[in-house]
Amino acid sequence: ELHRSIQKARDLFEAMSPAERQEMSRRQAASWGRAEAAFG
C-alpha cells in the first residue's frame, strides 16, 4: 500500500502543469509555516 500511495503521488505530481506545481509549493510552504507557528 505504501508503494502504491507513493507512486500515485508521483503520478499526480508529474501530471501537474508548472503553474499547479508552483501553487502546490506555495500552499505547502504556508502549511508548514502554520505548523511551525502552532508548535511554537
PDB file of all heavy atoms in Angstrom:
ATOM      1  N   GLU A   1       0.813  -1.214   0.000  1.00  0.00           N
ATOM      2  CA  GLU A   1       0.000   0.000   0.000  1.00  0.00           C
ATOM      3  C   GLU A   1       0.847   1.265   0.000  1.00  0.00           C
ATOM      4  O   GLU A   1       0.529   2.240  -0.703  1.00  0.00           O
ATOM      5  CB  GLU A   1      -0.939  -0.007   1.198  1.00  0.00           C
ATOM      6  CG  GLU A   1      -1.901   1.151   1.212  1.00  0.00           C
ATOM      7  CD  GLU A   1      -2.877   1.089   2.377  1.00  0.00           C
ATOM      8  OE1 GLU A   1      -3.009   0.039   3.018  1.00  0.00           O
ATOM      9  OE2 GLU A   1      -3.522   2.124   2.631  1.00  0.00           O
ATOM     10  N   LEU A   2       1.936   1.273   0.765  1.00  0.00           N
ATOM     11  CA  LEU A   2       2.798   2.446   0.825  1.00  0.00           C
ATOM     12  C   LEU A   2       3.381   2.742  -0.552  1.00  0.00           C
ATOM     13  O   LEU A   2       3.353   3.884  -1.020  1.00  0.00           O
ATOM     14  CB  LEU A   2       3.911   2.261   1.850  1.00  0.00           C
ATOM     15  CG  LEU A   2       4.940   3.384   1.932  1.00  0.00           C
ATOM     16  CD1 LEU A   2       4.262   4.711   2.296  1.00  0.00           C
ATOM     17  CD2 LEU A   2       6.020   3.040   2.933  1.00  0.00           C
ATOM     18  N   HIS A   3       3.908   1.735  -1.213  1.00  0.00           N
ATOM     19  CA  HIS A   3       4.494   1.933  -2.534  1.00  0.00           C
ATOM     20  C   HIS A   3       3.441   2.466  -3.509  1.00  0.00           C
ATOM     21  O   HIS A   3       3.715   3.380  -4.287  1.00  0.00           O
ATOM     22  CB  HIS A   3       5.109   0.639  -3.064  1.00  0.00           C
ATOM     23  CG  HIS A   3       5.679   0.780  -4.431  1.00  0.00           C
ATOM     24  ND1 HIS A   3       6.900   1.368  -4.656  1.00  0.00           N
ATOM     25  CD2 HIS A   3       5.190   0.454  -5.648  1.00  0.00           C
ATOM     26  CE1 HIS A   3       7.143   1.397  -5.951  1.00  0.00           C
ATOM     27  NE2 HIS A   3       6.115   0.832  -6.582  1.00  0.00           N
ATOM     28  N   ARG A   4       2.252   1.901  -3.474  1.00  0.00           N
ATOM     29  CA  ARG A   4       1.192   2.361  -4.372  1.00  0.00           C
ATOM     30  C   ARG A   4       0.822   3.813  -4.085  1.00  0.00           C
ATOM     31  O   ARG A   4       0.601   4.593  -5.011  1.00  0.00           O
ATOM     32  CB  ARG A   4      -0.033   1.447  -4.260  1.00  0.00           C
ATOM     33  CG  ARG A   4       0.171   0.089  -4.919  1.00  0.00           C
ATOM     34  CD  ARG A   4      -1.121  -0.706  -4.999  1.00  0.00           C
ATOM     35  NE  ARG A   4      -1.732  -0.958  -3.708  1.00  0.00           N
ATOM     36  CZ  ARG A   4      -1.446  -2.002  -2.912  1.00  0.00           C
ATOM     37  NH1 ARG A   4      -0.567  -2.899  -3.294  1.00  0.00           N
ATOM     38  NH2 ARG A   4      -2.052  -2.149  -1.749  1.00  0.00           N
ATOM     39  N   SER A   5       0.781   4.199  -2.832  1.00  0.00           N
ATOM     40  CA  SER A   5       0.465   5.584  -2.467  1.00  0.00           C
ATOM     41  C   SER A   5       1.550   6.538  -2.953  1.00  0.00           C
ATOM     42  O   SER A   5       1.247   7.624  -3.476  1.00  0.00           O
ATOM     43  CB  SER A   5       0.303   5.721  -0.954  1.00  0.00           C
ATOM     44  OG  SER A   5      -0.811   5.002  -0.512  1.00  0.00           O
ATOM     45  N   ILE A   6       2.794   6.142  -2.786  1.00  0.00           N
ATOM     46  CA  ILE A   6       3.908   6.975  -3.250  1.00  0.00           C
ATOM     47  C   ILE A   6       3.864   7.117  -4.769  1.00  0.00           C
ATOM     48  O   ILE A   6       4.030   8.214  -5.305  1.00  0.00           O
ATOM     49  CB  ILE A   6       5.260   6.402  -2.777  1.00  0.00           C
ATOM     50  CG1 ILE A   6       5.385   6.545  -1.258  1.00  0.00           C
ATOM     51  CG2 ILE A   6       6.430   7.077  -3.492  1.00  0.00           C
ATOM     52  CD1 ILE A   6       6.548   5.784  -0.652  1.00  0.00           C
ATOM     53  N   GLN A   7       3.615   6.025  -5.454  1.00  0.00           N
ATOM     54  CA  GLN A   7       3.556   6.074  -6.910  1.00  0.00           C
ATOM     55  C   GLN A   7       2.396   6.951  -7.381  1.00  0.00           C
ATOM     56  O   GLN A   7       2.524   7.719  -8.326  1.00  0.00           O
ATOM     57  CB  GLN A   7       3.444   4.674  -7.514  1.00  0.00           C
ATOM     58  CG  GLN A   7       3.606   4.663  -9.022  1.00  0.00           C
ATOM     59  CD  GLN A   7       4.945   5.240  -9.470  1.00  0.00           C
ATOM     60  OE1 GLN A   7       5.995   4.848  -8.999  1.00  0.00           O
ATOM     61  NE2 GLN A   7       4.898   6.216 -10.375  1.00  0.00           N
ATOM     62  N   LYS A   8       1.262   6.859  -6.699  1.00  0.00           N
ATOM     63  CA  LYS A   8       0.110   7.693  -7.054  1.00  0.00           C
ATOM     64  C   LYS A   8       0.461   9.174  -6.891  1.00  0.00           C
ATOM     65  O   LYS A   8       0.133  10.002  -7.753  1.00  0.00           O
ATOM     66  CB  LYS A   8      -1.095   7.337  -6.188  1.00  0.00           C
ATOM     67  CG  LYS A   8      -2.333   8.123  -6.525  1.00  0.00           C
ATOM     68  CD  LYS A   8      -3.515   7.711  -5.660  1.00  0.00           C
ATOM     69  CE  LYS A   8      -4.733   8.547  -5.953  1.00  0.00           C
ATOM     70  NZ  LYS A   8      -5.865   8.196  -5.095  1.00  0.00           N
ATOM     71  N   ALA A   9       1.145   9.517  -5.800  1.00  0.00           N
ATOM     72  CA  ALA A   9       1.551  10.904  -5.572  1.00  0.00           C
ATOM     73  C   ALA A   9       2.519  11.364  -6.659  1.00  0.00           C
ATOM     74  O   ALA A   9       2.409  12.489  -7.161  1.00  0.00           O
ATOM     75  CB  ALA A   9       2.177  11.047  -4.193  1.00  0.00           C
ATOM     76  N   ARG A  10       3.462  10.508  -7.021  1.00  0.00           N
ATOM     77  CA  ARG A  10       4.406  10.861  -8.096  1.00  0.00           C
ATOM     78  C   ARG A  10       3.674  11.088  -9.413  1.00  0.00           C
ATOM     79  O   ARG A  10       3.952  12.041 -10.137  1.00  0.00           O
ATOM     80  CB  ARG A  10       5.433   9.747  -8.280  1.00  0.00           C
ATOM     81  CG  ARG A  10       6.491   9.714  -7.224  1.00  0.00           C
ATOM     82  CD  ARG A  10       7.465   8.596  -7.502  1.00  0.00           C
ATOM     83  NE  ARG A  10       8.498   8.575  -6.485  1.00  0.00           N
ATOM     84  CZ  ARG A  10       9.237   7.523  -6.196  1.00  0.00           C
ATOM     85  NH1 ARG A  10       9.066   6.390  -6.865  1.00  0.00           N
ATOM     86  NH2 ARG A  10      10.154   7.583  -5.261  1.00  0.00           N
ATOM     87  N   ASP A  11       2.742  10.219  -9.711  1.00  0.00           N
ATOM     88  CA  ASP A  11       1.981  10.348 -10.954  1.00  0.00           C
ATOM     89  C   ASP A  11       1.188  11.660 -10.976  1.00  0.00           C
ATOM     90  O   ASP A  11       1.153  12.353 -11.999  1.00  0.00           O
ATOM     91  CB  ASP A  11       1.033   9.160 -11.147  1.00  0.00           C
ATOM     92  CG  ASP A  11       1.766   7.853 -11.392  1.00  0.00           C
ATOM     93  OD1 ASP A  11       2.986   7.875 -11.710  1.00  0.00           O
ATOM     94  OD2 ASP A  11       1.118   6.784 -11.252  1.00  0.00           O
ATOM     95  N   LEU A  12       0.552  11.987  -9.859  1.00  0.00           N
ATOM     96  CA  LEU A  12      -0.206  13.231  -9.780  1.00  0.00           C
ATOM     97  C   LEU A  12       0.707  14.449  -9.955  1.00  0.00           C
ATOM     98  O   LEU A  12       0.372  15.393 -10.669  1.00  0.00           O
ATOM     99  CB  LEU A  12      -0.948  13.320  -8.443  1.00  0.00           C
ATOM    100  CG  LEU A  12      -2.136  12.381  -8.275  1.00  0.00           C
ATOM    101  CD1 LEU A  12      -2.628  12.398  -6.829  1.00  0.00           C
ATOM    102  CD2 LEU A  12      -3.255  12.751  -9.226  1.00  0.00           C
ATOM    103  N   PHE A  13       1.867  14.397  -9.316  1.00  0.00           N
ATOM    104  CA  PHE A  13       2.821  15.497  -9.419  1.00  0.00           C
ATOM    105  C   PHE A  13       3.305  15.661 -10.856  1.00  0.00           C
ATOM    106  O   PHE A  13       3.354  16.779 -11.386  1.00  0.00           O
ATOM    107  CB  PHE A  13       3.998  15.281  -8.468  1.00  0.00           C
ATOM    108  CG  PHE A  13       4.998  16.402  -8.502  1.00  0.00           C
ATOM    109  CD1 PHE A  13       4.757  17.576  -7.808  1.00  0.00           C
ATOM    110  CD2 PHE A  13       6.169  16.283  -9.230  1.00  0.00           C
ATOM    111  CE1 PHE A  13       5.671  18.618  -7.843  1.00  0.00           C
ATOM    112  CE2 PHE A  13       7.087  17.325  -9.268  1.00  0.00           C
ATOM    113  CZ  PHE A  13       6.840  18.490  -8.570  1.00  0.00           C
ATOM    114  N   GLU A  14       3.655  14.565 -11.483  1.00  0.00           N
ATOM    115  CA  GLU A  14       4.162  14.633 -12.853  1.00  0.00           C
ATOM    116  C   GLU A  14       3.097  15.127 -13.829  1.00  0.00           C
ATOM    117  O   GLU A  14       3.434  15.718 -14.860  1.00  0.00           O
ATOM    118  CB  GLU A  14       4.715  13.274 -13.271  1.00  0.00           C
ATOM    119  CG  GLU A  14       6.015  12.943 -12.561  1.00  0.00           C
ATOM    120  CD  GLU A  14       6.516  11.530 -12.822  1.00  0.00           C
ATOM    121  OE1 GLU A  14       5.954  10.848 -13.701  1.00  0.00           O
ATOM    122  OE2 GLU A  14       7.471  11.123 -12.142  1.00  0.00           O
ATOM    123  N   ALA A  15       1.837  14.921 -13.522  1.00  0.00           N
ATOM    124  CA  ALA A  15       0.755  15.363 -14.401  1.00  0.00           C
ATOM    125  C   ALA A  15       0.430  16.853 -14.215  1.00  0.00           C
ATOM    126  O   ALA A  15      -0.309  17.421 -15.019  1.00  0.00           O
ATOM    127  CB  ALA A  15      -0.500  14.529 -14.144  1.00  0.00           C
ATOM    128  N   MET A  16       0.990  17.483 -13.195  1.00  0.00           N
ATOM    129  CA  MET A  16       0.703  18.890 -12.922  1.00  0.00           C
ATOM    130  C   MET A  16       1.391  19.806 -13.923  1.00  0.00           C
ATOM    131  O   MET A  16       2.500  19.530 -14.373  1.00  0.00           O
ATOM    132  CB  MET A  16       1.201  19.289 -11.529  1.00  0.00           C
ATOM    133  CG  MET A  16       0.419  18.760 -10.395  1.00  0.00           C
ATOM    134  SD  MET A  16       1.193  19.362  -8.867  1.00  0.00           S
ATOM    135  CE  MET A  16       0.109  18.633  -7.676  1.00  0.00           C
ATOM    136  N   SER A  17       0.738  20.906 -14.190  1.00  0.00           N
ATOM    137  CA  SER A  17       1.356  21.955 -15.004  1.00  0.00           C
ATOM    138  C   SER A  17       2.346  22.713 -14.113  1.00  0.00           C
ATOM    139  O   SER A  17       2.286  22.628 -12.882  1.00  0.00           O
ATOM    140  CB  SER A  17       0.282  22.918 -15.514  1.00  0.00           C
ATOM    141  OG  SER A  17      -0.234  23.684 -14.428  1.00  0.00           O
ATOM    142  N   PRO A  18       3.246  23.491 -14.724  1.00  0.00           N
ATOM    143  CA  PRO A  18       4.164  24.304 -13.911  1.00  0.00           C
ATOM    144  C   PRO A  18       3.424  25.240 -12.951  1.00  0.00           C
ATOM    145  O   PRO A  18       3.842  25.406 -11.804  1.00  0.00           O
ATOM    146  CB  PRO A  18       4.970  25.084 -14.956  1.00  0.00           C
ATOM    147  CG  PRO A  18       4.967  24.182 -16.149  1.00  0.00           C
ATOM    148  CD  PRO A  18       3.596  23.547 -16.141  1.00  0.00           C
ATOM    149  N   ALA A  19       2.315  25.807 -13.392  1.00  0.00           N
ATOM    150  CA  ALA A  19       1.550  26.704 -12.515  1.00  0.00           C
ATOM    151  C   ALA A  19       0.961  25.939 -11.335  1.00  0.00           C
ATOM    152  O   ALA A  19       0.940  26.438 -10.200  1.00  0.00           O
ATOM    153  CB  ALA A  19       0.439  27.399 -13.302  1.00  0.00           C
ATOM    154  N   GLU A  20       0.478  24.724 -11.586  1.00  0.00           N
ATOM    155  CA  GLU A  20      -0.074  23.906 -10.495  1.00  0.00           C
ATOM    156  C   GLU A  20       1.017  23.518  -9.507  1.00  0.00           C
ATOM    157  O   GLU A  20       0.792  23.523  -8.294  1.00  0.00           O
ATOM    158  CB  GLU A  20      -0.732  22.655 -11.061  1.00  0.00           C
ATOM    159  CG  GLU A  20      -2.016  22.929 -11.799  1.00  0.00           C
ATOM    160  CD  GLU A  20      -2.547  21.720 -12.551  1.00  0.00           C
ATOM    161  OE1 GLU A  20      -1.741  20.919 -13.094  1.00  0.00           O
ATOM    162  OE2 GLU A  20      -3.780  21.572 -12.598  1.00  0.00           O
ATOM    163  N   ARG A  21       2.195  23.207 -10.019  1.00  0.00           N
ATOM    164  CA  ARG A  21       3.314  22.860  -9.119  1.00  0.00           C
ATOM    165  C   ARG A  21       3.711  24.058  -8.263  1.00  0.00           C
ATOM    166  O   ARG A  21       3.978  23.916  -7.071  1.00  0.00           O
ATOM    167  CB  ARG A  21       4.518  22.377  -9.922  1.00  0.00           C
ATOM    168  CG  ARG A  21       4.329  21.018 -10.518  1.00  0.00           C
ATOM    169  CD  ARG A  21       5.546  20.572 -11.286  1.00  0.00           C
ATOM    170  NE  ARG A  21       5.290  19.305 -11.955  1.00  0.00           N
ATOM    171  CZ  ARG A  21       6.207  18.593 -12.569  1.00  0.00           C
ATOM    172  NH1 ARG A  21       7.450  19.024 -12.614  1.00  0.00           N
ATOM    173  NH2 ARG A  21       5.894  17.461 -13.151  1.00  0.00           N
ATOM    174  N   GLN A  22       3.729  25.227  -8.873  1.00  0.00           N
ATOM    175  CA  GLN A  22       4.075  26.439  -8.125  1.00  0.00           C
ATOM    176  C   GLN A  22       3.037  26.703  -7.035  1.00  0.00           C
ATOM    177  O   GLN A  22       3.384  27.041  -5.906  1.00  0.00           O
ATOM    178  CB  GLN A  22       4.178  27.619  -9.075  1.00  0.00           C
ATOM    179  CG  GLN A  22       4.660  28.887  -8.403  1.00  0.00           C
ATOM    180  CD  GLN A  22       4.870  30.017  -9.392  1.00  0.00           C
ATOM    181  OE1 GLN A  22       4.374  29.978 -10.518  1.00  0.00           O
ATOM    182  NE2 GLN A  22       5.595  31.030  -8.979  1.00  0.00           N
ATOM    183  N   GLU A  23       1.766  26.543  -7.361  1.00  0.00           N
ATOM    184  CA  GLU A  23       0.704  26.752  -6.373  1.00  0.00           C
ATOM    185  C   GLU A  23       0.789  25.719  -5.251  1.00  0.00           C
ATOM    186  O   GLU A  23       0.608  26.048  -4.078  1.00  0.00           O
ATOM    187  CB  GLU A  23      -0.668  26.702  -7.051  1.00  0.00           C
ATOM    188  CG  GLU A  23      -1.838  26.887  -6.107  1.00  0.00           C
ATOM    189  CD  GLU A  23      -1.879  28.224  -5.393  1.00  0.00           C
ATOM    190  OE1 GLU A  23      -1.151  29.162  -5.775  1.00  0.00           O
ATOM    191  OE2 GLU A  23      -2.657  28.343  -4.430  1.00  0.00           O
ATOM    192  N   MET A  24       1.074  24.480  -5.592  1.00  0.00           N
ATOM    193  CA  MET A  24       1.228  23.444  -4.580  1.00  0.00           C
ATOM    194  C   MET A  24       2.384  23.792  -3.637  1.00  0.00           C
ATOM    195  O   MET A  24       2.270  23.670  -2.416  1.00  0.00           O
ATOM    196  CB  MET A  24       1.480  22.076  -5.207  1.00  0.00           C
ATOM    197  CG  MET A  24       1.599  20.970  -4.174  1.00  0.00           C
ATOM    198  SD  MET A  24       2.145  19.390  -4.847  1.00  0.00           S
ATOM    199  CE  MET A  24       3.853  19.746  -5.171  1.00  0.00           C
ATOM    200  N   SER A  25       3.477  24.241  -4.212  1.00  0.00           N
ATOM    201  CA  SER A  25       4.637  24.616  -3.402  1.00  0.00           C
ATOM    202  C   SER A  25       4.290  25.765  -2.458  1.00  0.00           C
ATOM    203  O   SER A  25       4.649  25.751  -1.279  1.00  0.00           O
ATOM    204  CB  SER A  25       5.792  25.008  -4.312  1.00  0.00           C
ATOM    205  OG  SER A  25       6.906  25.389  -3.560  1.00  0.00           O
ATOM    206  N   ARG A  26       3.562  26.758  -2.972  1.00  0.00           N
ATOM    207  CA  ARG A  26       3.157  27.893  -2.136  1.00  0.00           C
ATOM    208  C   ARG A  26       2.276  27.441  -0.985  1.00  0.00           C
ATOM    209  O   ARG A  26       2.454  27.829   0.162  1.00  0.00           O
ATOM    210  CB  ARG A  26       2.409  28.923  -2.997  1.00  0.00           C
ATOM    211  CG  ARG A  26       2.070  30.211  -2.248  1.00  0.00           C
ATOM    212  CD  ARG A  26       1.114  31.094  -3.029  1.00  0.00           C
ATOM    213  NE  ARG A  26      -0.213  30.524  -3.136  1.00  0.00           N
ATOM    214  CZ  ARG A  26      -1.118  30.496  -2.139  1.00  0.00           C
ATOM    215  NH1 ARG A  26      -0.816  30.971  -0.952  1.00  0.00           N
ATOM    216  NH2 ARG A  26      -2.316  29.969  -2.326  1.00  0.00           N
ATOM    217  N   ARG A  27       1.326  26.562  -1.296  1.00  0.00           N
ATOM    218  CA  ARG A  27       0.412  26.077  -0.255  1.00  0.00           C
ATOM    219  C   ARG A  27       1.143  25.206   0.775  1.00  0.00           C
ATOM    220  O   ARG A  27       0.839  25.273   1.967  1.00  0.00           O
ATOM    221  CB  ARG A  27      -0.747  25.313  -0.876  1.00  0.00           C
ATOM    222  CG  ARG A  27      -1.726  26.217  -1.589  1.00  0.00           C
ATOM    223  CD  ARG A  27      -2.812  25.413  -2.287  1.00  0.00           C
ATOM    224  NE  ARG A  27      -3.693  26.255  -3.039  1.00  0.00           N
ATOM    225  CZ  ARG A  27      -4.933  26.548  -2.666  1.00  0.00           C
ATOM    226  NH1 ARG A  27      -5.435  26.077  -1.552  1.00  0.00           N
ATOM    227  NH2 ARG A  27      -5.684  27.326  -3.414  1.00  0.00           N
ATOM    228  N   GLN A  28       2.093  24.400   0.323  1.00  0.00           N
ATOM    229  CA  GLN A  28       2.868  23.595   1.268  1.00  0.00           C
ATOM    230  C   GLN A  28       3.670  24.485   2.209  1.00  0.00           C
ATOM    231  O   GLN A  28       3.715  24.245   3.416  1.00  0.00           O
ATOM    232  CB  GLN A  28       3.806  22.644   0.532  1.00  0.00           C
ATOM    233  CG  GLN A  28       3.133  21.427  -0.016  1.00  0.00           C
ATOM    234  CD  GLN A  28       4.105  20.499  -0.708  1.00  0.00           C
ATOM    235  OE1 GLN A  28       5.126  20.929  -1.242  1.00  0.00           O
ATOM    236  NE2 GLN A  28       3.787  19.224  -0.712  1.00  0.00           N
ATOM    237  N   ALA A  29       4.296  25.509   1.651  1.00  0.00           N
ATOM    238  CA  ALA A  29       5.077  26.428   2.488  1.00  0.00           C
ATOM    239  C   ALA A  29       4.182  27.099   3.526  1.00  0.00           C
ATOM    240  O   ALA A  29       4.562  27.243   4.696  1.00  0.00           O
ATOM    241  CB  ALA A  29       5.784  27.464   1.621  1.00  0.00           C
ATOM    242  N   ALA A  30       2.996  27.502   3.108  1.00  0.00           N
ATOM    243  CA  ALA A  30       2.059  28.134   4.045  1.00  0.00           C
ATOM    244  C   ALA A  30       1.640  27.154   5.127  1.00  0.00           C
ATOM    245  O   ALA A  30       1.555  27.506   6.310  1.00  0.00           O
ATOM    246  CB  ALA A  30       0.839  28.660   3.296  1.00  0.00           C
ATOM    247  N   SER A  31       1.406  25.909   4.743  1.00  0.00           N
ATOM    248  CA  SER A  31       1.014  24.882   5.709  1.00  0.00           C
ATOM    249  C   SER A  31       2.136  24.624   6.712  1.00  0.00           C
ATOM    250  O   SER A  31       1.896  24.518   7.918  1.00  0.00           O
ATOM    251  CB  SER A  31       0.650  23.601   4.961  1.00  0.00           C
ATOM    252  OG  SER A  31       0.369  22.560   5.864  1.00  0.00           O
ATOM    253  N   TRP A  32       3.358  24.530   6.208  1.00  0.00           N
ATOM    254  CA  TRP A  32       4.491  24.306   7.117  1.00  0.00           C
ATOM    255  C   TRP A  32       4.680  25.492   8.053  1.00  0.00           C
ATOM    256  O   TRP A  32       4.987  25.317   9.235  1.00  0.00           O
ATOM    257  CB  TRP A  32       5.771  24.043   6.329  1.00  0.00           C
ATOM    258  CG  TRP A  32       5.740  22.760   5.552  1.00  0.00           C
ATOM    259  CD1 TRP A  32       5.036  21.627   5.845  1.00  0.00           C
ATOM    260  CD2 TRP A  32       6.417  22.490   4.337  1.00  0.00           C
ATOM    261  NE1 TRP A  32       5.238  20.665   4.886  1.00  0.00           N
ATOM    262  CE2 TRP A  32       6.080  21.163   3.950  1.00  0.00           C
ATOM    263  CE3 TRP A  32       7.266  23.232   3.517  1.00  0.00           C
ATOM    264  CZ2 TRP A  32       6.585  20.572   2.800  1.00  0.00           C
ATOM    265  CZ3 TRP A  32       7.767  22.633   2.373  1.00  0.00           C
ATOM    266  CH2 TRP A  32       7.428  21.330   2.025  1.00  0.00           C
ATOM    267  N   GLY A  33       4.496  26.695   7.525  1.00  0.00           N
ATOM    268  CA  GLY A  33       4.618  27.882   8.369  1.00  0.00           C
ATOM    269  C   GLY A  33       3.589  27.881   9.483  1.00  0.00           C
ATOM    270  O   GLY A  33       3.903  28.186  10.641  1.00  0.00           O
ATOM    271  N   ARG A  34       2.358  27.516   9.149  1.00  0.00           N
ATOM    272  CA  ARG A  34       1.302  27.458  10.178  1.00  0.00           C
ATOM    273  C   ARG A  34       1.632  26.387  11.209  1.00  0.00           C
ATOM    274  O   ARG A  34       1.401  26.570  12.402  1.00  0.00           O
ATOM    275  CB  ARG A  34      -0.058  27.171   9.554  1.00  0.00           C
ATOM    276  CG  ARG A  34      -0.618  28.358   8.797  1.00  0.00           C
ATOM    277  CD  ARG A  34      -2.080  28.192   8.423  1.00  0.00           C
ATOM    278  NE  ARG A  34      -2.860  28.872   9.466  1.00  0.00           N
ATOM    279  CZ  ARG A  34      -3.683  28.259  10.312  1.00  0.00           C
ATOM    280  NH1 ARG A  34      -3.878  26.977  10.251  1.00  0.00           N
ATOM    281  NH2 ARG A  34      -4.332  28.941  11.224  1.00  0.00           N
ATOM    282  N   ALA A  35       2.146  25.251  10.753  1.00  0.00           N
ATOM    283  CA  ALA A  35       2.501  24.178  11.695  1.00  0.00           C
ATOM    284  C   ALA A  35       3.599  24.643  12.653  1.00  0.00           C
ATOM    285  O   ALA A  35       3.518  24.404  13.858  1.00  0.00           O
ATOM    286  CB  ALA A  35       2.943  22.929  10.936  1.00  0.00           C
ATOM    287  N   GLU A  36       4.599  25.313  12.105  1.00  0.00           N
ATOM    288  CA  GLU A  36       5.683  25.823  12.960  1.00  0.00           C
ATOM    289  C   GLU A  36       5.148  26.830  13.963  1.00  0.00           C
ATOM    290  O   GLU A  36       5.536  26.833  15.124  1.00  0.00           O
ATOM    291  CB  GLU A  36       6.788  26.453  12.100  1.00  0.00           C
ATOM    292  CG  GLU A  36       7.642  25.445  11.383  1.00  0.00           C
ATOM    293  CD  GLU A  36       8.478  24.597  12.316  1.00  0.00           C
ATOM    294  OE1 GLU A  36       9.006  25.110  13.328  1.00  0.00           O
ATOM    295  OE2 GLU A  36       8.601  23.399  12.042  1.00  0.00           O
ATOM    296  N   ALA A  37       4.243  27.690  13.509  1.00  0.00           N
ATOM    297  CA  ALA A  37       3.648  28.677  14.419  1.00  0.00           C
ATOM    298  C   ALA A  37       2.848  27.981  15.513  1.00  0.00           C
ATOM    299  O   ALA A  37       2.901  28.367  16.685  1.00  0.00           O
ATOM    300  CB  ALA A  37       2.764  29.649  13.646  1.00  0.00           C
ATOM    301  N   ALA A  38       2.109  26.952  15.134  1.00  0.00           N
ATOM    302  CA  ALA A  38       1.305  26.234  16.124  1.00  0.00           C
ATOM    303  C   ALA A  38       2.185  25.546  17.159  1.00  0.00           C
ATOM    304  O   ALA A  38       1.899  25.592  18.354  1.00  0.00           O
ATOM    305  CB  ALA A  38       0.407  25.206  15.431  1.00  0.00           C
ATOM    306  N   PHE A  39       3.267  24.926  16.698  1.00  0.00           N
ATOM    307  CA  PHE A  39       4.166  24.234  17.631  1.00  0.00           C
ATOM    308  C   PHE A  39       4.882  25.231  18.530  1.00  0.00           C
ATOM    309  O   PHE A  39       5.130  24.959  19.690  1.00  0.00           O
ATOM    310  CB  PHE A  39       5.205  23.393  16.892  1.00  0.00           C
ATOM    311  CG  PHE A  39       4.643  22.175  16.238  1.00  0.00           C
ATOM    312  CD1 PHE A  39       5.008  21.847  14.946  1.00  0.00           C
ATOM    313  CD2 PHE A  39       3.756  21.344  16.893  1.00  0.00           C
ATOM    314  CE1 PHE A  39       4.501  20.720  14.328  1.00  0.00           C
ATOM    315  CE2 PHE A  39       3.247  20.209  16.288  1.00  0.00           C
ATOM    316  CZ  PHE A  39       3.615  19.898  14.995  1.00  0.00           C
ATOM    317  N   GLY A  40       5.221  26.389  17.978  1.00  0.00           N
ATOM    318  CA  GLY A  40       5.948  27.385  18.770  1.00  0.00           C
ATOM    319  C   GLY A  40       7.384  26.964  18.994  1.00  0.00           C
ATOM    320  O   GLY A  40       7.960  26.195  18.230  1.00  0.00           O
TER     321      GLY A  40
END
